[in-house]
Amino acid sequence: MTTKKKTANARLAHEAFASVFAGSREEGRVPRILQEPLPPRTAAVPTPTRSRRAVRPTLELPLEGFTHPRDGQASKIALEFKAVLARESKAVAQVVYEVIDQTVGWNAVSGYEGQREWAPLSLQHFVHACEMSISQVQKGVKTALSHGYIIRRPLRSPSEGYEYAIRWRTEAPANPA
C-alpha cells in the first residue's frame, strides 16, 4: 500500500470515528459513551432477605445413611437424595438414583410391586439405565460406595457381579425435616 493510500485511509477512519470519540490527542481519546454518566440502577430483581434464606432448609449430604421410608417419609425417594443431586457429580447422583429405583421403587415385570433391599445390578445395567460410559459408571459407583450412599455385596461369587442397596440410617433422625 502506498503512503498516499495510507494517509487517505487514516483520514477517512478519523472522520468516521471522530464523532464517537471526545477529547484532544493530549488528553487521550475516550469513547463518548464512557464519559456520560450512567443512569441510576433500578433493582429489577428483589434482593433476598434473611427471612427468605432462613425458610430454605440446608441440604446435608447423608453421611450417616438415608432415612428409610418406613420412618415416616411420604416420598419414596429419600429426602437426602436432593442433597446428593445438589452436591455430587452427575455420575454419583445417577448411580444412587438407579439403586433407589431398583430397590425402593422396584416394579417387577411379573406385576409384583413392592420394595426390595438388594438389587443385582451389573455395570452394564448402569451404563444402559444411566446412559453413561463405563468409566463414568465406575467412577460414580466407586464414589457412591466410598461416600457411603450405597453398599454392595458379591453375588455367589465376585465374577458373577454384585448386589447393591441403599445404605439406610441405623436409627431414625432425631429431628426429621
N, C-alpha and C. Protein backbone atom coordinates (compact mmCIF):
# COMPACT_ATOMS: atom_id res chain seq x y z
N MET A 1 0.85 -1.16 0.00
CA MET A 1 0.00 0.00 0.00
C MET A 1 0.90 1.23 0.00
N THR A 2 0.55 2.19 -0.83
CA THR A 2 1.36 3.39 -0.95
C THR A 2 1.08 4.33 0.22
N THR A 3 1.97 5.27 0.43
CA THR A 3 1.83 6.23 1.52
C THR A 3 0.61 7.10 1.31
N LYS A 4 0.32 7.44 0.05
CA LYS A 4 -0.83 8.26 -0.25
C LYS A 4 -2.13 7.56 0.17
N LYS A 5 -2.23 6.23 -0.13
CA LYS A 5 -3.42 5.46 0.23
C LYS A 5 -3.54 5.34 1.75
N LYS A 6 -2.40 5.13 2.44
CA LYS A 6 -2.42 5.01 3.89
C LYS A 6 -2.93 6.29 4.53
N THR A 7 -2.47 7.42 4.03
CA THR A 7 -2.90 8.71 4.56
C THR A 7 -4.38 8.91 4.31
N ALA A 8 -4.84 8.57 3.14
CA ALA A 8 -6.26 8.73 2.79
C ALA A 8 -7.11 7.82 3.68
N ASN A 9 -6.69 6.58 3.91
CA ASN A 9 -7.43 5.65 4.77
C ASN A 9 -7.46 6.15 6.21
N ALA A 10 -6.35 6.67 6.69
CA ALA A 10 -6.29 7.19 8.06
C ALA A 10 -7.23 8.38 8.21
N ARG A 11 -7.26 9.27 7.21
CA ARG A 11 -8.13 10.44 7.25
C ARG A 11 -9.60 10.00 7.26
N LEU A 12 -9.96 9.04 6.41
CA LEU A 12 -11.33 8.53 6.36
C LEU A 12 -11.72 7.89 7.70
N ALA A 13 -10.82 7.12 8.27
CA ALA A 13 -11.11 6.48 9.55
C ALA A 13 -11.28 7.53 10.63
N HIS A 14 -10.43 8.55 10.63
CA HIS A 14 -10.52 9.61 11.62
C HIS A 14 -11.85 10.34 11.50
N GLU A 15 -12.25 10.64 10.29
CA GLU A 15 -13.52 11.34 10.08
C GLU A 15 -14.71 10.46 10.50
N ALA A 16 -14.63 9.17 10.22
CA ALA A 16 -15.73 8.27 10.54
C ALA A 16 -15.91 8.11 12.05
N PHE A 17 -14.80 8.07 12.78
CA PHE A 17 -14.88 7.83 14.22
C PHE A 17 -14.73 9.08 15.08
N ALA A 18 -14.54 10.25 14.45
CA ALA A 18 -14.35 11.48 15.21
C ALA A 18 -15.57 11.82 16.05
N SER A 19 -16.75 11.50 15.53
CA SER A 19 -17.95 11.83 16.29
C SER A 19 -18.13 10.92 17.50
N VAL A 20 -17.52 9.76 17.49
CA VAL A 20 -17.65 8.82 18.60
C VAL A 20 -16.71 9.20 19.75
N PHE A 21 -15.51 9.66 19.40
CA PHE A 21 -14.50 9.96 20.41
C PHE A 21 -14.52 11.44 20.77
N ALA A 22 -14.23 11.71 22.05
CA ALA A 22 -14.14 13.09 22.52
C ALA A 22 -12.78 13.30 23.15
N GLY A 23 -12.38 14.54 23.30
CA GLY A 23 -11.11 14.85 23.93
C GLY A 23 -10.04 15.12 22.90
N SER A 24 -9.00 15.78 23.36
CA SER A 24 -7.89 16.09 22.45
C SER A 24 -6.92 14.93 22.45
N ARG A 25 -5.96 15.02 21.57
CA ARG A 25 -4.95 13.97 21.50
C ARG A 25 -4.12 13.93 22.77
N GLU A 26 -3.90 15.09 23.40
CA GLU A 26 -3.10 15.15 24.62
C GLU A 26 -3.83 14.46 25.78
N GLU A 27 -5.16 14.64 25.88
CA GLU A 27 -5.95 14.04 26.97
C GLU A 27 -6.14 12.55 26.75
N GLY A 28 -6.03 12.16 25.54
CA GLY A 28 -6.33 10.77 25.21
C GLY A 28 -7.77 10.68 24.77
N ARG A 29 -7.98 10.01 23.72
CA ARG A 29 -9.33 9.92 23.19
C ARG A 29 -10.07 8.76 23.85
N VAL A 30 -11.22 9.09 24.37
CA VAL A 30 -12.05 8.12 25.08
C VAL A 30 -13.41 8.12 24.41
N PRO A 31 -14.01 6.96 24.22
CA PRO A 31 -15.35 6.96 23.63
C PRO A 31 -16.30 7.79 24.47
N ARG A 32 -17.13 8.58 23.81
CA ARG A 32 -18.06 9.49 24.47
C ARG A 32 -19.02 8.73 25.40
N ILE A 33 -19.36 7.51 25.03
CA ILE A 33 -20.28 6.74 25.84
C ILE A 33 -19.72 6.50 27.25
N LEU A 34 -18.40 6.42 27.35
CA LEU A 34 -17.78 6.21 28.65
C LEU A 34 -17.72 7.49 29.48
N GLN A 35 -17.82 8.64 28.84
CA GLN A 35 -17.74 9.91 29.56
C GLN A 35 -19.09 10.31 30.15
N GLU A 36 -20.19 9.84 29.54
CA GLU A 36 -21.50 10.22 30.03
C GLU A 36 -21.85 9.40 31.27
N PRO A 37 -22.47 10.05 32.27
CA PRO A 37 -22.83 9.30 33.48
C PRO A 37 -23.94 8.30 33.16
N LEU A 38 -23.86 7.15 33.82
CA LEU A 38 -24.86 6.10 33.63
C LEU A 38 -26.11 6.43 34.45
N PRO A 39 -27.27 6.05 33.96
CA PRO A 39 -28.49 6.29 34.74
C PRO A 39 -28.46 5.43 36.00
N PRO A 40 -29.16 5.86 37.04
CA PRO A 40 -29.15 5.08 38.28
C PRO A 40 -29.77 3.70 38.05
N ARG A 41 -29.23 2.70 38.74
CA ARG A 41 -29.70 1.33 38.59
C ARG A 41 -31.02 1.15 39.32
N THR A 42 -31.89 0.43 38.66
CA THR A 42 -33.15 0.07 39.32
C THR A 42 -33.10 -1.43 39.57
N ALA A 43 -33.51 -1.83 40.74
CA ALA A 43 -33.47 -3.24 41.09
C ALA A 43 -34.66 -3.96 40.47
N ALA A 44 -34.41 -4.70 39.41
CA ALA A 44 -35.48 -5.46 38.75
C ALA A 44 -35.81 -6.70 39.55
N VAL A 45 -34.79 -7.29 40.16
CA VAL A 45 -34.99 -8.49 40.96
C VAL A 45 -34.78 -8.12 42.42
N PRO A 46 -35.75 -8.37 43.28
CA PRO A 46 -35.56 -8.01 44.69
C PRO A 46 -34.45 -8.86 45.31
N THR A 47 -33.67 -8.23 46.15
CA THR A 47 -32.60 -8.96 46.81
C THR A 47 -33.20 -9.84 47.89
N PRO A 48 -32.67 -11.05 48.05
CA PRO A 48 -33.23 -11.94 49.06
C PRO A 48 -33.01 -11.40 50.47
N THR A 49 -34.02 -11.58 51.29
CA THR A 49 -33.92 -11.12 52.67
C THR A 49 -33.51 -12.28 53.56
N ARG A 50 -33.13 -11.96 54.76
CA ARG A 50 -32.71 -13.01 55.69
C ARG A 50 -33.84 -14.00 55.96
N SER A 51 -35.06 -13.50 56.03
CA SER A 51 -36.16 -14.41 56.33
C SER A 51 -36.36 -15.43 55.21
N ARG A 52 -36.13 -15.04 53.96
CA ARG A 52 -36.26 -16.00 52.87
C ARG A 52 -35.20 -17.07 52.97
N ARG A 53 -33.99 -16.69 53.33
CA ARG A 53 -32.92 -17.68 53.46
C ARG A 53 -33.18 -18.62 54.62
N ALA A 54 -33.76 -18.10 55.67
CA ALA A 54 -34.00 -18.92 56.84
C ALA A 54 -35.06 -19.98 56.58
N VAL A 55 -35.98 -19.72 55.64
CA VAL A 55 -37.04 -20.67 55.36
C VAL A 55 -36.50 -21.89 54.62
N ARG A 56 -35.51 -21.69 53.78
CA ARG A 56 -34.96 -22.78 52.99
C ARG A 56 -34.13 -23.70 53.88
N PRO A 57 -34.43 -24.99 53.87
CA PRO A 57 -33.61 -25.90 54.67
C PRO A 57 -32.27 -26.10 53.99
N THR A 58 -31.26 -26.32 54.77
CA THR A 58 -29.95 -26.57 54.20
C THR A 58 -29.89 -28.02 53.77
N LEU A 59 -29.22 -28.25 52.66
CA LEU A 59 -29.08 -29.60 52.16
C LEU A 59 -27.82 -30.22 52.77
N GLU A 60 -28.00 -31.31 53.44
CA GLU A 60 -26.87 -32.00 54.03
C GLU A 60 -26.72 -33.36 53.38
N LEU A 61 -25.49 -33.69 53.03
CA LEU A 61 -25.25 -35.00 52.44
C LEU A 61 -25.50 -36.08 53.48
N PRO A 62 -26.08 -37.19 53.07
CA PRO A 62 -26.45 -38.25 54.02
C PRO A 62 -25.25 -39.11 54.43
N LEU A 63 -24.33 -38.53 55.17
CA LEU A 63 -23.13 -39.24 55.56
C LEU A 63 -23.43 -40.39 56.53
N GLU A 64 -24.57 -40.31 57.22
CA GLU A 64 -24.95 -41.38 58.15
C GLU A 64 -25.93 -42.35 57.51
N GLY A 65 -26.21 -42.21 56.23
CA GLY A 65 -27.16 -43.05 55.54
C GLY A 65 -28.46 -42.31 55.27
N PHE A 66 -29.30 -42.91 54.44
CA PHE A 66 -30.59 -42.32 54.08
C PHE A 66 -31.65 -42.68 55.12
N THR A 67 -32.66 -41.84 55.23
CA THR A 67 -33.79 -42.13 56.10
C THR A 67 -34.67 -43.16 55.39
N HIS A 68 -35.03 -44.24 56.08
CA HIS A 68 -35.83 -45.30 55.49
C HIS A 68 -37.28 -44.82 55.34
N PRO A 69 -37.96 -45.19 54.25
CA PRO A 69 -39.35 -44.75 54.06
C PRO A 69 -40.27 -45.17 55.21
N ARG A 70 -39.98 -46.27 55.89
CA ARG A 70 -40.86 -46.70 56.99
C ARG A 70 -40.77 -45.74 58.18
N ASP A 71 -39.75 -44.86 58.18
CA ASP A 71 -39.58 -43.91 59.28
C ASP A 71 -40.31 -42.60 59.03
N GLY A 72 -41.33 -42.63 58.19
CA GLY A 72 -42.23 -41.50 58.09
C GLY A 72 -42.09 -40.60 56.89
N GLN A 73 -41.27 -40.92 55.92
CA GLN A 73 -41.19 -40.07 54.75
C GLN A 73 -42.32 -40.38 53.79
N ALA A 74 -42.95 -39.34 53.28
CA ALA A 74 -44.05 -39.54 52.33
C ALA A 74 -43.51 -39.91 50.96
N SER A 75 -42.35 -39.38 50.60
CA SER A 75 -41.77 -39.63 49.29
C SER A 75 -41.06 -40.97 49.28
N LYS A 76 -41.18 -41.66 48.16
CA LYS A 76 -40.46 -42.93 48.03
C LYS A 76 -38.97 -42.68 47.83
N ILE A 77 -38.63 -41.51 47.33
CA ILE A 77 -37.22 -41.18 47.17
C ILE A 77 -36.80 -40.43 48.43
N ALA A 78 -35.73 -40.88 49.03
CA ALA A 78 -35.27 -40.29 50.27
C ALA A 78 -35.02 -38.79 50.10
N LEU A 79 -35.42 -38.02 51.12
CA LEU A 79 -35.23 -36.57 51.06
C LEU A 79 -33.76 -36.20 50.92
N GLU A 80 -32.90 -37.01 51.47
CA GLU A 80 -31.47 -36.72 51.40
C GLU A 80 -30.94 -36.79 49.97
N PHE A 81 -31.68 -37.46 49.09
CA PHE A 81 -31.23 -37.57 47.70
C PHE A 81 -31.14 -36.19 47.05
N LYS A 82 -31.96 -35.25 47.49
CA LYS A 82 -31.91 -33.89 46.97
C LYS A 82 -30.52 -33.28 47.21
N ALA A 83 -29.94 -33.58 48.36
CA ALA A 83 -28.59 -33.08 48.65
C ALA A 83 -27.56 -33.74 47.75
N VAL A 84 -27.74 -35.02 47.45
CA VAL A 84 -26.82 -35.71 46.54
C VAL A 84 -26.89 -35.06 45.17
N LEU A 85 -28.10 -34.75 44.71
CA LEU A 85 -28.24 -34.09 43.41
C LEU A 85 -27.54 -32.73 43.38
N ALA A 86 -27.65 -31.99 44.48
CA ALA A 86 -27.09 -30.64 44.52
C ALA A 86 -25.58 -30.63 44.67
N ARG A 87 -25.04 -31.61 45.36
CA ARG A 87 -23.63 -31.51 45.75
C ARG A 87 -22.69 -32.55 45.14
N GLU A 88 -23.21 -33.56 44.52
CA GLU A 88 -22.35 -34.59 43.95
C GLU A 88 -22.35 -34.50 42.43
N SER A 89 -21.43 -35.23 41.83
CA SER A 89 -21.37 -35.25 40.36
C SER A 89 -22.59 -35.97 39.80
N LYS A 90 -22.80 -35.76 38.52
CA LYS A 90 -23.93 -36.39 37.86
C LYS A 90 -23.80 -37.91 37.90
N ALA A 91 -22.59 -38.42 37.74
CA ALA A 91 -22.39 -39.87 37.75
C ALA A 91 -22.80 -40.47 39.09
N VAL A 92 -22.41 -39.83 40.18
CA VAL A 92 -22.77 -40.33 41.51
C VAL A 92 -24.28 -40.27 41.70
N ALA A 93 -24.89 -39.14 41.34
CA ALA A 93 -26.33 -38.98 41.51
C ALA A 93 -27.11 -40.02 40.70
N GLN A 94 -26.67 -40.29 39.48
CA GLN A 94 -27.38 -41.27 38.66
C GLN A 94 -27.24 -42.68 39.21
N VAL A 95 -26.07 -43.02 39.70
CA VAL A 95 -25.86 -44.35 40.28
C VAL A 95 -26.73 -44.52 41.51
N VAL A 96 -26.72 -43.52 42.40
CA VAL A 96 -27.52 -43.60 43.62
C VAL A 96 -29.01 -43.68 43.26
N TYR A 97 -29.44 -42.87 42.30
CA TYR A 97 -30.85 -42.90 41.90
C TYR A 97 -31.22 -44.27 41.35
N GLU A 98 -30.37 -44.86 40.54
CA GLU A 98 -30.68 -46.16 39.95
C GLU A 98 -30.82 -47.23 41.04
N VAL A 99 -29.97 -47.16 42.06
CA VAL A 99 -30.09 -48.12 43.16
C VAL A 99 -31.40 -47.88 43.92
N ILE A 100 -31.75 -46.60 44.15
CA ILE A 100 -33.04 -46.29 44.80
C ILE A 100 -34.18 -46.84 43.95
N ASP A 101 -34.12 -46.60 42.65
CA ASP A 101 -35.18 -47.04 41.75
C ASP A 101 -35.31 -48.55 41.71
N GLN A 102 -34.20 -49.25 41.75
CA GLN A 102 -34.23 -50.71 41.65
C GLN A 102 -34.54 -51.38 42.99
N THR A 103 -34.52 -50.63 44.08
CA THR A 103 -34.84 -51.21 45.38
C THR A 103 -36.18 -50.66 45.88
N VAL A 104 -36.22 -49.42 46.28
CA VAL A 104 -37.44 -48.81 46.83
C VAL A 104 -38.52 -48.70 45.78
N GLY A 105 -38.17 -48.35 44.58
CA GLY A 105 -39.15 -48.15 43.52
C GLY A 105 -39.29 -49.33 42.59
N TRP A 106 -38.92 -50.49 43.04
CA TRP A 106 -38.89 -51.67 42.19
C TRP A 106 -40.27 -52.07 41.71
N ASN A 107 -40.38 -52.39 40.42
CA ASN A 107 -41.62 -52.86 39.83
C ASN A 107 -41.24 -54.00 38.88
N ALA A 108 -41.49 -55.20 39.31
CA ALA A 108 -41.11 -56.36 38.51
C ALA A 108 -42.02 -56.50 37.29
N VAL A 109 -41.51 -57.12 36.25
CA VAL A 109 -42.27 -57.34 35.03
C VAL A 109 -43.48 -58.24 35.31
N SER A 110 -43.35 -59.13 36.29
CA SER A 110 -44.44 -60.07 36.59
C SER A 110 -45.64 -59.39 37.23
N GLY A 111 -45.54 -58.11 37.50
CA GLY A 111 -46.66 -57.41 38.10
C GLY A 111 -46.50 -57.22 39.59
N TYR A 112 -45.52 -57.86 40.17
CA TYR A 112 -45.30 -57.70 41.61
C TYR A 112 -44.67 -56.34 41.86
N GLU A 113 -45.33 -55.54 42.65
CA GLU A 113 -44.78 -54.25 43.01
C GLU A 113 -44.43 -54.25 44.47
N GLY A 114 -43.40 -53.60 44.83
CA GLY A 114 -43.02 -53.52 46.22
C GLY A 114 -41.60 -53.04 46.35
N GLN A 115 -41.04 -53.34 47.47
CA GLN A 115 -39.67 -52.91 47.74
C GLN A 115 -38.81 -54.13 47.97
N ARG A 116 -37.57 -53.98 47.65
CA ARG A 116 -36.59 -55.00 47.98
C ARG A 116 -35.36 -54.28 48.48
N GLU A 117 -34.67 -54.89 49.38
CA GLU A 117 -33.50 -54.25 49.97
C GLU A 117 -32.30 -54.29 49.02
N TRP A 118 -32.10 -55.39 48.31
CA TRP A 118 -30.94 -55.58 47.45
C TRP A 118 -31.38 -55.79 46.01
N ALA A 119 -30.60 -55.23 45.09
CA ALA A 119 -30.88 -55.40 43.66
C ALA A 119 -29.62 -55.86 42.96
N PRO A 120 -29.68 -56.97 42.23
CA PRO A 120 -28.50 -57.41 41.47
C PRO A 120 -28.34 -56.53 40.22
N LEU A 121 -27.28 -55.74 40.21
CA LEU A 121 -27.06 -54.80 39.11
C LEU A 121 -25.63 -54.94 38.60
N SER A 122 -25.50 -55.03 37.30
CA SER A 122 -24.16 -55.08 36.69
C SER A 122 -23.75 -53.68 36.28
N LEU A 123 -22.47 -53.53 35.98
CA LEU A 123 -22.01 -52.23 35.48
C LEU A 123 -22.68 -51.90 34.15
N GLN A 124 -22.93 -52.94 33.34
CA GLN A 124 -23.61 -52.71 32.06
C GLN A 124 -25.04 -52.23 32.28
N HIS A 125 -25.69 -52.70 33.35
CA HIS A 125 -27.02 -52.20 33.67
C HIS A 125 -26.97 -50.69 33.91
N PHE A 126 -25.98 -50.24 34.71
CA PHE A 126 -25.84 -48.82 34.98
C PHE A 126 -25.54 -48.05 33.70
N VAL A 127 -24.70 -48.62 32.83
CA VAL A 127 -24.36 -47.97 31.56
C VAL A 127 -25.63 -47.69 30.76
N HIS A 128 -26.50 -48.69 30.64
CA HIS A 128 -27.72 -48.53 29.84
C HIS A 128 -28.77 -47.70 30.55
N ALA A 129 -28.97 -47.94 31.84
CA ALA A 129 -30.02 -47.22 32.57
C ALA A 129 -29.68 -45.75 32.76
N CYS A 130 -28.40 -45.45 32.97
CA CYS A 130 -27.99 -44.07 33.25
C CYS A 130 -27.46 -43.35 32.02
N GLU A 131 -27.32 -44.08 30.92
CA GLU A 131 -26.79 -43.51 29.68
C GLU A 131 -25.44 -42.83 29.90
N MET A 132 -24.54 -43.60 30.52
CA MET A 132 -23.18 -43.10 30.78
C MET A 132 -22.19 -44.09 30.22
N SER A 133 -20.95 -43.65 30.09
CA SER A 133 -19.89 -44.56 29.66
C SER A 133 -19.51 -45.45 30.83
N ILE A 134 -18.81 -46.53 30.53
CA ILE A 134 -18.40 -47.46 31.57
C ILE A 134 -17.47 -46.78 32.58
N SER A 135 -16.61 -45.87 32.11
CA SER A 135 -15.70 -45.18 33.03
C SER A 135 -16.47 -44.24 33.96
N GLN A 136 -17.52 -43.57 33.43
CA GLN A 136 -18.35 -42.71 34.29
C GLN A 136 -19.08 -43.55 35.33
N VAL A 137 -19.59 -44.71 34.92
CA VAL A 137 -20.29 -45.60 35.85
C VAL A 137 -19.34 -46.07 36.93
N GLN A 138 -18.14 -46.50 36.54
CA GLN A 138 -17.17 -46.99 37.52
C GLN A 138 -16.82 -45.89 38.53
N LYS A 139 -16.62 -44.69 38.04
CA LYS A 139 -16.32 -43.56 38.93
C LYS A 139 -17.50 -43.25 39.84
N GLY A 140 -18.72 -43.26 39.29
CA GLY A 140 -19.91 -42.99 40.08
C GLY A 140 -20.13 -44.04 41.16
N VAL A 141 -19.97 -45.31 40.81
CA VAL A 141 -20.14 -46.40 41.78
C VAL A 141 -19.08 -46.31 42.86
N LYS A 142 -17.84 -46.09 42.46
CA LYS A 142 -16.74 -46.01 43.42
C LYS A 142 -16.97 -44.87 44.42
N THR A 143 -17.36 -43.69 43.92
CA THR A 143 -17.59 -42.54 44.80
C THR A 143 -18.81 -42.76 45.69
N ALA A 144 -19.89 -43.30 45.12
CA ALA A 144 -21.10 -43.55 45.92
C ALA A 144 -20.82 -44.56 47.03
N LEU A 145 -20.00 -45.56 46.74
CA LEU A 145 -19.61 -46.53 47.76
C LEU A 145 -18.72 -45.88 48.82
N SER A 146 -17.74 -45.11 48.40
CA SER A 146 -16.80 -44.51 49.35
C SER A 146 -17.46 -43.44 50.22
N HIS A 147 -18.47 -42.77 49.69
CA HIS A 147 -19.19 -41.77 50.49
C HIS A 147 -20.29 -42.38 51.34
N GLY A 148 -20.54 -43.67 51.14
CA GLY A 148 -21.49 -44.38 51.97
C GLY A 148 -22.95 -44.19 51.59
N TYR A 149 -23.22 -43.81 50.35
CA TYR A 149 -24.60 -43.66 49.90
C TYR A 149 -25.22 -45.02 49.60
N ILE A 150 -24.40 -45.90 49.02
CA ILE A 150 -24.86 -47.24 48.67
C ILE A 150 -23.90 -48.26 49.27
N ILE A 151 -24.36 -49.50 49.33
CA ILE A 151 -23.49 -50.61 49.75
C ILE A 151 -23.64 -51.71 48.72
N ARG A 152 -22.67 -52.61 48.66
CA ARG A 152 -22.77 -53.72 47.73
C ARG A 152 -22.18 -54.97 48.36
N ARG A 153 -22.62 -56.08 47.83
CA ARG A 153 -22.10 -57.37 48.25
C ARG A 153 -22.03 -58.24 47.00
N PRO A 154 -21.06 -59.16 46.98
CA PRO A 154 -20.96 -60.01 45.79
C PRO A 154 -22.13 -60.99 45.71
N LEU A 155 -22.49 -61.35 44.50
CA LEU A 155 -23.46 -62.42 44.32
C LEU A 155 -22.74 -63.72 44.73
N ARG A 156 -23.11 -64.83 44.22
CA ARG A 156 -22.47 -66.09 44.65
C ARG A 156 -20.95 -66.01 44.62
N SER A 157 -20.45 -65.38 43.59
CA SER A 157 -19.00 -65.14 43.51
C SER A 157 -18.80 -63.77 42.87
N PRO A 158 -17.68 -63.11 43.20
CA PRO A 158 -17.45 -61.78 42.63
C PRO A 158 -17.47 -61.75 41.10
N SER A 159 -17.15 -62.88 40.46
CA SER A 159 -17.16 -62.90 38.99
C SER A 159 -18.57 -62.81 38.43
N GLU A 160 -19.58 -63.14 39.25
CA GLU A 160 -20.98 -63.06 38.81
C GLU A 160 -21.54 -61.65 38.94
N GLY A 161 -20.88 -60.79 39.65
CA GLY A 161 -21.36 -59.42 39.81
C GLY A 161 -21.72 -59.13 41.25
N TYR A 162 -22.48 -58.04 41.43
CA TYR A 162 -22.79 -57.55 42.78
C TYR A 162 -24.27 -57.24 42.92
N GLU A 163 -24.69 -57.21 44.16
CA GLU A 163 -25.99 -56.69 44.53
C GLU A 163 -25.75 -55.36 45.21
N TYR A 164 -26.62 -54.40 44.94
CA TYR A 164 -26.48 -53.07 45.51
C TYR A 164 -27.71 -52.75 46.36
N ALA A 165 -27.48 -51.93 47.37
CA ALA A 165 -28.58 -51.47 48.23
C ALA A 165 -28.27 -50.06 48.69
N ILE A 166 -29.31 -49.36 49.09
CA ILE A 166 -29.13 -48.04 49.71
C ILE A 166 -28.64 -48.28 51.13
N ARG A 167 -27.72 -47.46 51.57
CA ARG A 167 -27.29 -47.55 52.96
C ARG A 167 -28.25 -46.72 53.79
N TRP A 168 -29.13 -47.41 54.53
CA TRP A 168 -30.11 -46.73 55.36
C TRP A 168 -29.50 -46.36 56.70
N ARG A 169 -30.04 -45.33 57.31
CA ARG A 169 -29.62 -44.99 58.67
C ARG A 169 -29.99 -46.14 59.58
N THR A 170 -29.18 -46.34 60.60
CA THR A 170 -29.47 -47.41 61.54
C THR A 170 -30.59 -47.02 62.49
N GLU A 171 -30.79 -45.73 62.69
CA GLU A 171 -31.89 -45.24 63.51
C GLU A 171 -32.47 -44.00 62.87
N ALA A 172 -33.72 -43.72 63.16
CA ALA A 172 -34.39 -42.55 62.58
C ALA A 172 -33.71 -41.28 63.05
N PRO A 173 -33.68 -40.23 62.21
CA PRO A 173 -33.05 -38.97 62.64
C PRO A 173 -33.81 -38.37 63.83
N ALA A 174 -33.08 -37.71 64.69
CA ALA A 174 -33.68 -37.11 65.89
C ALA A 174 -34.67 -36.02 65.55
N ASN A 175 -34.40 -35.28 64.50
CA ASN A 175 -35.26 -34.13 64.14
C ASN A 175 -35.60 -34.22 62.66
N PRO A 176 -36.53 -35.11 62.24
CA PRO A 176 -36.83 -35.21 60.81
C PRO A 176 -37.45 -33.93 60.27
N ALA A 177 -36.99 -33.54 59.08
CA ALA A 177 -37.49 -32.30 58.47
C ALA A 177 -38.59 -32.59 57.51
